[in-house]
Amino acid sequence: MAQLRTDEPQGRHSRSKPQLIAWALAAFGATALLVGVLRWEHLDRNRRGNTLLVGMPRTGAKLFERKGCVRCHAVNGAGGRLAPDLGSERPSTGPAHLVTSMWNHAPRMWERIREERVAYPAISQLEMAHVFSYLYTSRYVGDSGDVEQGGHLFEKKGCAACHSLGGTAARKGPDLSTRAAVGSLTGWTQAMWNHAPAMESAMREAGVTWPKFEPGEMNDLLTYLRGGRPAVSGGSDLLPADPDRGKKLFEEKSCASCHSLRGEVGRIGPDLQSRQKLPPTIIQFAGSMWNHSPEMFRTMRARGVQRPVFRDREMADLVAFLYSLSYSEPGGSPRVGEMLFAGRGCSLCHGPAALGTSEAPSLRGRGRSFNSIALAAALWRHGPAMYKHAQDLGLPWPTLAETDVGDLISFLNTSPERER
């Protein structure tokens, strides 16, 4: 590199300032772009290597509001009423479910945006990852329970024998209506786990059988304890939770001594990575832990494992980790995807091999790979023009089944050169 000369005439030096400023701005822009790309790749690689939950739910919640989604959609009751509540549809199997719902309902969304004369928000791929992680996390909150049924359970399950409620006669246990844990789903789960041994000992002394809860009953009980009010956190206590920290806690708290995450044989407890084993909502997870607490406690003592205690936000981190395990990219068959690509009408514009036509660009062999997030981001960015073009040609908007997504992505990610 040539050294900067300091003996140039002042006029010539001053004339170069705009050019230097332009160069500096261009360099800054290129650096910012590079940092953004590297941050996305780092986030995607690290998250996929650990918990598969790509994106940050708390950031997604802010984007959901800032991009105007909340004008039409509610999430667990908070937001607009013009479109479905995006937190109430359960169970969710991850990004494939979300992208399918988004694809199938996109034409109605675009029409509604035009009717409302709302500016169409731009959403980048990284932003879409954050929004998806927020919606995915929100679907494990659970609906409000039945207050009357909860009051019945408070008596039937023997809670009233030890606990008072709302300043009634003093009992051995604390007044549950004054406990902050009743307002937090993960806080309640943590409190139930931490205090279970003491409660079991008290019940044993009193000759009381350990009560068990059916699915939905724990939610009814908690709603009753809150006086019918929704959880203070509304599930937001999971938004700042750290799944990576939860993964470490899974080992540190000795959960891995009994529970498998990848189907290893010889484990005592169920494989928690299986969607069939993990309860559909957080409060049902609390109920399941309560139901099996005495059995787990006995097993720990027999194996010389100290029963762990959770503090601060540790239970939120653990729950975030366990539920993030279901957030995985779908697998599929390229051959089936190729048939779906033609059967859904995509090939009419993009060509039978998805290599593009005069009507639409190539989707394969462009040096990039698709996943559910990329597919959703592309739909949001180019979908309105695609929809209008389909209308101009008199073609119906193709609908997708959740099982289609993995096959289509597998097809789009195959290189055309491999077929020769």
Protein backbone atom coordinates (compact mmCIF):
# COMPACT_ATOMS: atom_id res chain seq x y z
CA MET A 1 0.00 0.00 0.00
CA ALA A 2 1.38 3.45 -0.93
CA GLN A 3 1.99 5.81 1.95
CA LEU A 4 -0.21 8.89 2.28
CA ARG A 5 1.75 11.93 1.13
CA THR A 6 1.63 14.90 3.49
CA ASP A 7 3.20 17.37 1.07
CA GLU A 8 0.22 17.58 -1.34
CA PRO A 9 -1.31 20.99 -2.00
CA GLN A 10 -4.12 21.93 0.44
CA GLY A 11 -6.66 22.39 -2.36
CA ARG A 12 -6.13 18.91 -3.74
CA HIS A 13 -6.35 17.41 -0.23
CA SER A 14 -9.63 19.18 0.51
CA ARG A 15 -11.13 18.06 -2.79
CA SER A 16 -10.54 14.40 -1.78
CA LYS A 17 -12.60 14.62 1.43
CA PRO A 18 -15.97 13.74 -0.16
CA GLN A 19 -14.36 10.79 -1.84
CA LEU A 20 -12.75 9.68 1.43
CA ILE A 21 -16.08 10.02 3.22
CA ALA A 22 -17.80 7.96 0.52
CA TRP A 23 -15.13 5.28 0.81
CA ALA A 24 -15.47 5.27 4.61
CA LEU A 25 -19.25 4.92 4.39
CA ALA A 26 -18.95 2.12 1.86
CA ALA A 27 -16.41 0.31 4.04
CA PHE A 28 -18.64 0.75 7.09
CA GLY A 29 -21.65 -0.61 5.17
CA ALA A 30 -19.71 -3.60 3.91
CA THR A 31 -18.41 -4.30 7.42
CA ALA A 32 -21.91 -4.07 8.89
CA LEU A 33 -23.22 -6.44 6.23
CA LEU A 34 -20.40 -8.90 6.88
CA VAL A 35 -21.02 -8.74 10.65
CA GLY A 36 -24.73 -9.40 10.06
CA VAL A 37 -24.06 -12.41 7.85
CA LEU A 38 -21.49 -13.83 10.25
CA ARG A 39 -23.83 -13.27 13.19
CA TRP A 40 -26.62 -15.17 11.40
CA GLU A 41 -24.30 -18.03 10.48
CA HIS A 42 -22.86 -18.15 14.00
CA LEU A 43 -26.34 -18.13 15.54
CA ASP A 44 -27.61 -20.79 13.16
CA ARG A 45 -24.56 -23.04 13.57
CA ASN A 46 -24.34 -22.76 17.37
CA ARG A 47 -28.04 -23.16 18.00
CA ARG A 48 -28.36 -26.11 15.69
CA GLY A 49 -25.39 -27.76 17.34
CA ASN A 50 -27.07 -27.47 20.73
CA THR A 51 -30.84 -27.10 20.90
CA LEU A 52 -32.01 -26.41 17.33
CA LEU A 53 -34.03 -23.38 18.48
CA VAL A 54 -32.81 -20.70 16.06
CA GLY A 55 -33.66 -17.14 17.00
CA MET A 56 -34.38 -15.30 20.24
CA PRO A 57 -37.99 -15.33 21.51
CA ARG A 58 -37.72 -12.00 23.31
CA THR A 59 -36.45 -10.28 20.16
CA GLY A 60 -39.22 -12.00 18.20
CA ALA A 61 -41.85 -10.63 20.59
CA LYS A 62 -40.59 -7.08 19.99
CA LEU A 63 -40.51 -7.62 16.21
CA PHE A 64 -44.04 -9.06 16.26
CA GLU A 65 -45.23 -5.77 17.70
CA ARG A 66 -42.95 -3.45 15.72
CA LYS A 67 -43.78 -5.06 12.37
CA GLY A 68 -47.50 -4.61 13.02
CA CYS A 69 -48.41 -8.32 13.30
CA VAL A 70 -50.06 -7.59 16.64
CA ARG A 71 -52.64 -5.35 14.91
CA CYS A 72 -54.43 -8.43 13.57
CA HIS A 73 -53.04 -11.39 15.54
CA ALA A 74 -53.10 -12.04 19.25
CA VAL A 75 -50.67 -14.32 21.02
CA ASN A 76 -52.26 -16.07 23.98
CA GLY A 77 -55.00 -13.45 24.15
CA ALA A 78 -52.82 -10.33 23.84
CA GLY A 79 -53.24 -8.49 20.54
CA GLY A 80 -55.71 -8.01 17.71
CA ARG A 81 -58.85 -10.00 16.98
CA LEU A 82 -58.98 -9.73 13.19
CA ALA A 83 -56.98 -12.95 12.67
CA PRO A 84 -56.37 -16.18 14.61
CA ASP A 85 -54.55 -16.20 17.94
CA LEU A 86 -51.11 -17.54 17.01
CA GLY A 87 -50.35 -18.82 20.49
CA SER A 88 -53.44 -20.96 20.94
CA GLU A 89 -52.84 -23.55 18.22
CA ARG A 90 -51.24 -26.54 19.89
CA PRO A 91 -49.34 -28.75 19.67
CA SER A 92 -46.70 -27.24 17.42
CA THR A 93 -44.12 -29.48 15.82
CA GLY A 94 -41.75 -26.68 15.01
CA PRO A 95 -40.92 -24.47 12.03
CA ALA A 96 -42.57 -26.76 9.46
CA HIS A 97 -45.93 -26.26 11.15
CA LEU A 98 -45.44 -22.51 11.35
CA VAL A 99 -44.36 -22.10 7.72
CA THR A 100 -47.28 -24.24 6.53
CA SER A 101 -49.80 -22.13 8.44
CA MET A 102 -48.19 -18.97 7.14
CA TRP A 103 -48.16 -20.21 3.53
CA ASN A 104 -51.77 -21.38 3.47
CA HIS A 105 -53.15 -18.21 5.07
CA ALA A 106 -50.87 -15.76 3.27
CA PRO A 107 -53.36 -14.68 0.55
CA ARG A 108 -55.91 -13.68 3.19
CA MET A 109 -53.22 -11.79 5.10
CA TRP A 110 -52.18 -9.87 2.00
CA GLU A 111 -55.77 -9.01 1.17
CA ARG A 112 -56.39 -7.83 4.73
CA ILE A 113 -53.25 -5.66 4.63
CA ARG A 114 -54.51 -4.04 1.40
CA GLU A 115 -57.98 -3.52 2.88
CA GLU A 116 -56.53 -1.91 5.98
CA ARG A 117 -54.13 0.19 3.85
CA VAL A 118 -51.27 -0.77 6.10
CA ALA A 119 -47.67 -0.47 4.91
CA TYR A 120 -46.31 -3.92 4.10
CA PRO A 121 -43.49 -4.60 6.60
CA ALA A 122 -40.15 -5.92 5.43
CA ILE A 123 -38.94 -8.97 7.38
CA SER A 124 -35.42 -10.31 6.93
CA GLN A 125 -34.46 -13.94 7.32
CA LEU A 126 -32.87 -13.31 10.72
CA GLU A 127 -35.95 -11.41 11.87
CA MET A 128 -38.16 -14.25 10.68
CA ALA A 129 -36.10 -16.66 12.79
CA HIS A 130 -36.72 -14.50 15.86
CA VAL A 131 -40.47 -14.25 15.17
CA PHE A 132 -40.76 -18.00 14.62
CA SER A 133 -38.92 -18.73 17.88
CA TYR A 134 -41.31 -16.38 19.71
CA LEU A 135 -44.42 -18.00 18.24
CA TYR A 136 -43.06 -21.49 18.87
CA THR A 137 -42.27 -20.68 22.50
CA SER A 138 -45.66 -19.03 23.05
CA ARG A 139 -47.50 -22.20 22.08
CA TYR A 140 -46.36 -23.96 25.23
CA VAL A 141 -48.00 -21.48 27.59
CA GLY A 142 -51.43 -23.11 27.75
CA ASP A 143 -54.90 -21.62 28.00
CA SER A 144 -56.55 -20.35 31.17
CA GLY A 145 -58.07 -23.04 33.36
CA ASP A 146 -61.49 -23.39 34.98
CA VAL A 147 -61.71 -21.47 38.28
CA GLU A 148 -64.63 -23.46 39.66
CA GLN A 149 -62.99 -26.78 38.83
CA GLY A 150 -59.75 -25.48 40.35
CA GLY A 151 -61.52 -24.72 43.63
CA HIS A 152 -62.95 -28.21 43.66
CA LEU A 153 -59.47 -29.67 43.09
CA PHE A 154 -58.01 -27.51 45.88
CA GLU A 155 -60.24 -29.40 48.30
CA LYS A 156 -60.27 -32.80 46.60
CA LYS A 157 -56.49 -33.09 46.22
CA GLY A 158 -55.95 -32.17 49.88
CA CYS A 159 -54.27 -28.81 49.26
CA ALA A 160 -56.69 -27.09 51.66
CA ALA A 161 -55.55 -29.34 54.51
CA CYS A 162 -52.18 -27.55 54.63
CA HIS A 163 -52.54 -24.33 52.66
CA SER A 164 -54.73 -21.29 53.24
CA LEU A 165 -55.95 -19.06 50.48
CA GLY A 166 -56.77 -15.37 50.58
CA GLY A 167 -56.26 -14.82 54.32
CA THR A 168 -58.38 -17.71 55.53
CA ALA A 169 -57.50 -19.69 58.68
CA ALA A 170 -53.80 -20.39 59.11
CA ARG A 171 -52.48 -23.74 57.97
CA LYS A 172 -49.15 -25.58 58.13
CA GLY A 173 -48.23 -24.38 54.67
CA PRO A 174 -48.15 -20.80 53.32
CA ASP A 175 -51.07 -18.82 51.90
CA LEU A 176 -50.74 -19.72 48.22
CA SER A 177 -52.56 -16.62 46.99
CA THR A 178 -49.66 -14.48 48.26
CA ARG A 179 -46.94 -16.47 46.52
CA ALA A 180 -45.30 -14.87 43.50
CA ALA A 181 -44.89 -18.31 41.93
CA VAL A 182 -48.61 -18.54 41.10
CA GLY A 183 -48.15 -15.75 38.56
CA SER A 184 -45.34 -17.46 36.66
CA LEU A 185 -45.66 -20.76 34.84
CA THR A 186 -42.01 -21.69 35.21
CA GLY A 187 -41.93 -20.19 38.72
CA TRP A 188 -44.80 -22.45 39.75
CA THR A 189 -43.09 -25.46 38.17
CA GLN A 190 -39.89 -24.65 40.07
CA ALA A 191 -41.70 -24.15 43.39
CA MET A 192 -43.61 -27.42 43.00
CA TRP A 193 -40.38 -29.34 42.36
CA ASN A 194 -38.35 -27.70 45.13
CA HIS A 195 -40.98 -28.14 47.87
CA ALA A 196 -42.24 -31.60 46.86
CA PRO A 197 -39.99 -33.55 49.32
CA ALA A 198 -41.17 -31.50 52.31
CA MET A 199 -44.79 -31.85 51.23
CA GLU A 200 -44.38 -35.59 50.73
CA SER A 201 -42.95 -35.93 54.24
CA ALA A 202 -45.85 -33.94 55.75
CA MET A 203 -48.40 -36.03 53.86
CA ARG A 204 -46.74 -39.26 54.95
CA GLU A 205 -46.90 -38.18 58.60
CA ALA A 206 -50.57 -37.29 58.20
CA GLY A 207 -51.33 -40.55 56.41
CA VAL A 208 -52.38 -38.73 53.22
CA THR A 209 -51.90 -40.33 49.82
CA TRP A 210 -49.82 -38.35 47.33
CA PRO A 211 -52.35 -36.69 44.97
CA LYS A 212 -51.91 -36.93 41.23
CA PHE A 213 -53.21 -34.58 38.56
CA GLU A 214 -54.80 -35.47 35.25
CA PRO A 215 -53.92 -33.38 32.16
CA GLY A 216 -55.52 -29.96 32.54
CA GLU A 217 -56.13 -30.22 36.29
CA MET A 218 -52.94 -28.44 37.32
CA ASN A 219 -53.94 -25.58 35.04
CA ASP A 220 -57.38 -25.40 36.70
CA LEU A 221 -55.78 -25.38 40.16
CA LEU A 222 -53.31 -22.64 39.28
CA THR A 223 -56.05 -20.50 37.71
CA TYR A 224 -58.06 -20.85 40.94
CA LEU A 225 -55.06 -19.84 43.06
CA ARG A 226 -54.68 -16.71 40.91
CA GLY A 227 -58.32 -15.85 41.44
CA GLY A 228 -59.13 -16.38 37.77
CA ARG A 229 -56.53 -13.89 36.62
CA PRO A 230 -54.12 -14.84 33.80
CA ALA A 231 -50.52 -15.56 34.69
CA VAL A 232 -48.66 -12.35 35.43
CA SER A 233 -45.94 -13.34 33.02
CA GLY A 234 -48.35 -14.62 30.37
CA GLY A 235 -45.58 -17.01 29.51
CA SER A 236 -43.16 -14.14 28.98
CA ASP A 237 -40.86 -15.64 31.61
CA LEU A 238 -39.75 -18.05 28.89
CA LEU A 239 -38.81 -15.29 26.44
CA PRO A 240 -35.49 -14.36 28.08
CA ALA A 241 -34.75 -17.97 29.08
CA ASP A 242 -31.52 -19.44 27.74
CA PRO A 243 -31.82 -22.94 26.18
CA ASP A 244 -28.05 -23.30 26.07
CA ARG A 245 -27.87 -22.69 29.80
CA GLY A 246 -30.74 -25.16 30.19
CA LYS A 247 -28.70 -27.79 28.37
CA LYS A 248 -25.87 -27.37 30.88
CA LEU A 249 -28.36 -27.55 33.76
CA PHE A 250 -29.71 -30.81 32.36
CA GLU A 251 -26.28 -32.29 33.02
CA GLU A 252 -25.43 -30.35 36.18
CA LYS A 253 -28.73 -31.18 37.91
CA SER A 254 -28.27 -34.91 37.13
CA CYS A 255 -31.36 -35.09 34.88
CA ALA A 256 -29.20 -36.97 32.37
CA SER A 257 -28.55 -39.76 34.89
CA CYS A 258 -32.13 -40.99 34.37
CA HIS A 259 -33.43 -39.30 31.23
CA SER A 260 -32.23 -39.73 27.67
CA LEU A 261 -32.39 -37.14 24.92
CA ARG A 262 -31.40 -39.30 21.96
CA GLY A 263 -32.95 -42.67 22.60
CA GLU A 264 -30.03 -44.20 24.52
CA VAL A 265 -31.02 -47.53 26.01
CA GLY A 266 -30.78 -48.36 29.67
CA ARG A 267 -32.20 -45.09 31.00
CA ILE A 268 -34.82 -45.22 33.75
CA GLY A 269 -36.91 -42.20 32.77
CA PRO A 270 -38.53 -41.44 29.41
CA ASP A 271 -36.63 -39.94 26.48
CA LEU A 272 -37.43 -36.23 26.80
CA GLN A 273 -36.56 -35.43 23.19
CA SER A 274 -39.61 -37.39 22.05
CA ARG A 275 -42.65 -35.18 21.44
CA GLN A 276 -44.86 -38.03 22.73
CA LYS A 277 -43.09 -37.91 26.11
CA LEU A 278 -43.00 -34.15 26.69
CA PRO A 279 -46.33 -32.61 27.85
CA PRO A 280 -47.87 -30.12 25.40
CA THR A 281 -47.81 -27.15 27.81
CA ILE A 282 -45.54 -25.93 30.60
CA ILE A 283 -48.19 -26.27 33.30
CA GLN A 284 -48.82 -29.87 32.25
CA PHE A 285 -45.07 -30.37 32.51
CA ALA A 286 -45.35 -29.13 36.12
CA GLY A 287 -48.17 -31.61 36.73
CA SER A 288 -46.15 -34.48 35.27
CA MET A 289 -43.14 -33.62 37.46
CA TRP A 290 -45.41 -33.48 40.51
CA ASN A 291 -47.04 -36.83 39.71
CA HIS A 292 -43.71 -38.60 39.41
CA SER A 293 -41.86 -36.71 42.14
CA PRO A 294 -42.02 -39.43 44.86
CA GLU A 295 -40.92 -42.11 42.40
CA MET A 296 -38.06 -39.95 41.09
CA PHE A 297 -37.00 -39.09 44.65
CA ARG A 298 -36.84 -42.78 45.61
CA THR A 299 -34.85 -43.61 42.49
CA MET A 300 -32.35 -40.81 43.19
CA ARG A 301 -31.78 -42.01 46.72
CA ALA A 302 -31.33 -45.59 45.55
CA ARG A 303 -28.73 -44.49 43.01
CA GLY A 304 -26.99 -42.07 45.35
CA VAL A 305 -28.02 -39.00 43.34
CA GLN A 306 -28.75 -35.82 45.26
CA ARG A 307 -32.13 -34.32 44.41
CA PRO A 308 -31.43 -30.99 42.70
CA VAL A 309 -32.81 -27.64 43.79
CA PHE A 310 -33.58 -24.98 41.16
CA ARG A 311 -32.95 -21.32 41.89
CA ASP A 312 -33.57 -17.98 40.19
CA ARG A 313 -34.36 -18.62 36.50
CA GLU A 314 -32.92 -22.12 36.29
CA MET A 315 -36.23 -23.90 35.75
CA ALA A 316 -37.11 -21.46 32.95
CA ASP A 317 -33.79 -22.25 31.27
CA LEU A 318 -34.32 -26.00 31.64
CA VAL A 319 -37.88 -25.83 30.27
CA ALA A 320 -36.70 -23.67 27.35
CA PHE A 321 -34.06 -26.26 26.52
CA LEU A 322 -36.40 -29.25 26.69
CA TYR A 323 -39.08 -27.66 24.53
CA SER A 324 -36.52 -26.36 22.05
CA LEU A 325 -35.61 -29.98 21.24
CA SER A 326 -38.80 -30.35 19.23
CA TYR A 327 -37.91 -27.32 17.12
CA SER A 328 -36.11 -29.22 14.40
CA GLU A 329 -35.95 -28.90 10.66
CA PRO A 330 -38.05 -31.53 8.90
CA GLY A 331 -36.38 -34.22 6.84
CA GLY A 332 -37.70 -35.41 3.52
CA SER A 333 -37.23 -37.05 0.16
CA PRO A 334 -35.97 -35.04 -2.83
CA ARG A 335 -37.92 -37.32 -5.19
CA VAL A 336 -41.16 -36.81 -3.30
CA GLY A 337 -40.40 -33.10 -3.14
CA GLU A 338 -39.96 -32.98 -6.91
CA MET A 339 -43.37 -34.59 -7.39
CA LEU A 340 -44.94 -32.18 -4.89
CA PHE A 341 -43.29 -29.24 -6.64
CA ALA A 342 -45.08 -30.24 -9.84
CA GLY A 343 -48.29 -31.36 -8.15
CA ARG A 344 -48.74 -28.10 -6.23
CA GLY A 345 -48.30 -26.11 -9.42
CA CYS A 346 -44.93 -24.54 -8.54
CA SER A 347 -43.38 -25.92 -11.73
CA LEU A 348 -45.78 -23.93 -13.92
CA CYS A 349 -43.74 -20.80 -13.22
CA HIS A 350 -40.42 -22.05 -11.84
CA GLY A 351 -40.02 -24.94 -14.26
CA PRO A 352 -40.25 -28.71 -13.68
CA ALA A 353 -36.73 -28.86 -12.25
CA ALA A 354 -37.12 -25.53 -10.38
CA LEU A 355 -34.43 -24.04 -12.62
CA GLY A 356 -36.54 -21.07 -13.63
CA THR A 357 -38.49 -19.87 -16.67
CA SER A 358 -39.37 -16.54 -18.19
CA GLU A 359 -42.16 -16.35 -15.61
CA ALA A 360 -40.13 -16.93 -12.42
CA PRO A 361 -36.49 -17.36 -11.30
CA SER A 362 -34.55 -20.53 -10.57
CA LEU A 363 -34.76 -21.86 -7.02
CA ARG A 364 -31.93 -24.38 -7.23
CA GLY A 365 -28.25 -24.28 -7.97
CA ARG A 366 -27.81 -20.72 -6.76
CA GLY A 367 -25.21 -21.44 -4.09
CA ARG A 368 -27.62 -21.32 -1.17
CA SER A 369 -29.71 -23.78 0.77
CA PHE A 370 -33.28 -23.58 1.98
CA ASN A 371 -34.72 -24.29 5.40
CA SER A 372 -38.10 -23.48 6.93
CA ILE A 373 -37.02 -20.00 8.01
CA ALA A 374 -35.59 -19.17 4.58
CA LEU A 375 -38.76 -20.47 2.92
CA ALA A 376 -40.94 -18.30 5.17
CA ALA A 377 -38.77 -15.23 4.59
CA ALA A 378 -38.85 -15.75 0.82
CA LEU A 379 -42.63 -16.18 0.93
CA TRP A 380 -43.04 -12.95 2.86
CA ARG A 381 -40.71 -11.03 0.56
CA HIS A 382 -41.90 -12.34 -2.82
CA GLY A 383 -45.30 -13.81 -1.96
CA PRO A 384 -47.51 -10.82 -2.84
CA ALA A 385 -46.06 -10.65 -6.36
CA MET A 386 -46.40 -14.44 -6.72
CA TYR A 387 -50.02 -14.28 -5.60
CA LYS A 388 -50.85 -11.50 -8.05
CA HIS A 389 -49.15 -13.38 -10.88
CA ALA A 390 -51.14 -16.52 -10.06
CA GLN A 391 -54.34 -14.49 -10.09
CA ASP A 392 -53.44 -12.97 -13.47
CA LEU A 393 -52.93 -16.48 -14.86
CA GLY A 394 -56.16 -17.74 -13.27
CA LEU A 395 -54.25 -20.20 -11.09
CA PRO A 396 -55.29 -21.11 -7.53
CA TRP A 397 -52.90 -20.47 -4.68
CA PRO A 398 -51.28 -23.84 -3.82
CA THR A 399 -51.76 -25.13 -0.29
CA LEU A 400 -49.24 -27.17 1.67
CA ALA A 401 -49.51 -29.94 4.22
CA GLU A 402 -47.04 -29.88 7.09
CA THR A 403 -45.45 -33.09 5.80
CA ASP A 404 -44.78 -31.40 2.44
CA VAL A 405 -42.25 -28.91 3.79
CA GLY A 406 -39.38 -31.32 4.43
CA ASP A 407 -39.76 -32.98 1.03
CA LEU A 408 -39.89 -29.66 -0.83
CA ILE A 409 -36.86 -28.30 1.01
CA SER A 410 -34.93 -31.51 0.32
CA PHE A 411 -35.72 -31.18 -3.40
CA LEU A 412 -34.77 -27.50 -3.58
CA ASN A 413 -31.49 -28.21 -1.80
CA THR A 414 -30.35 -30.89 -4.25
CA SER A 415 -27.88 -29.72 -6.85
CA PRO A 416 -29.04 -29.96 -10.49
CA GLU A 417 -25.61 -31.30 -11.42
CA ARG A 418 -26.20 -34.43 -9.31
CA GLU A 419 -29.08 -35.40 -11.57
CA ARG A 420 -26.96 -35.57 -14.71
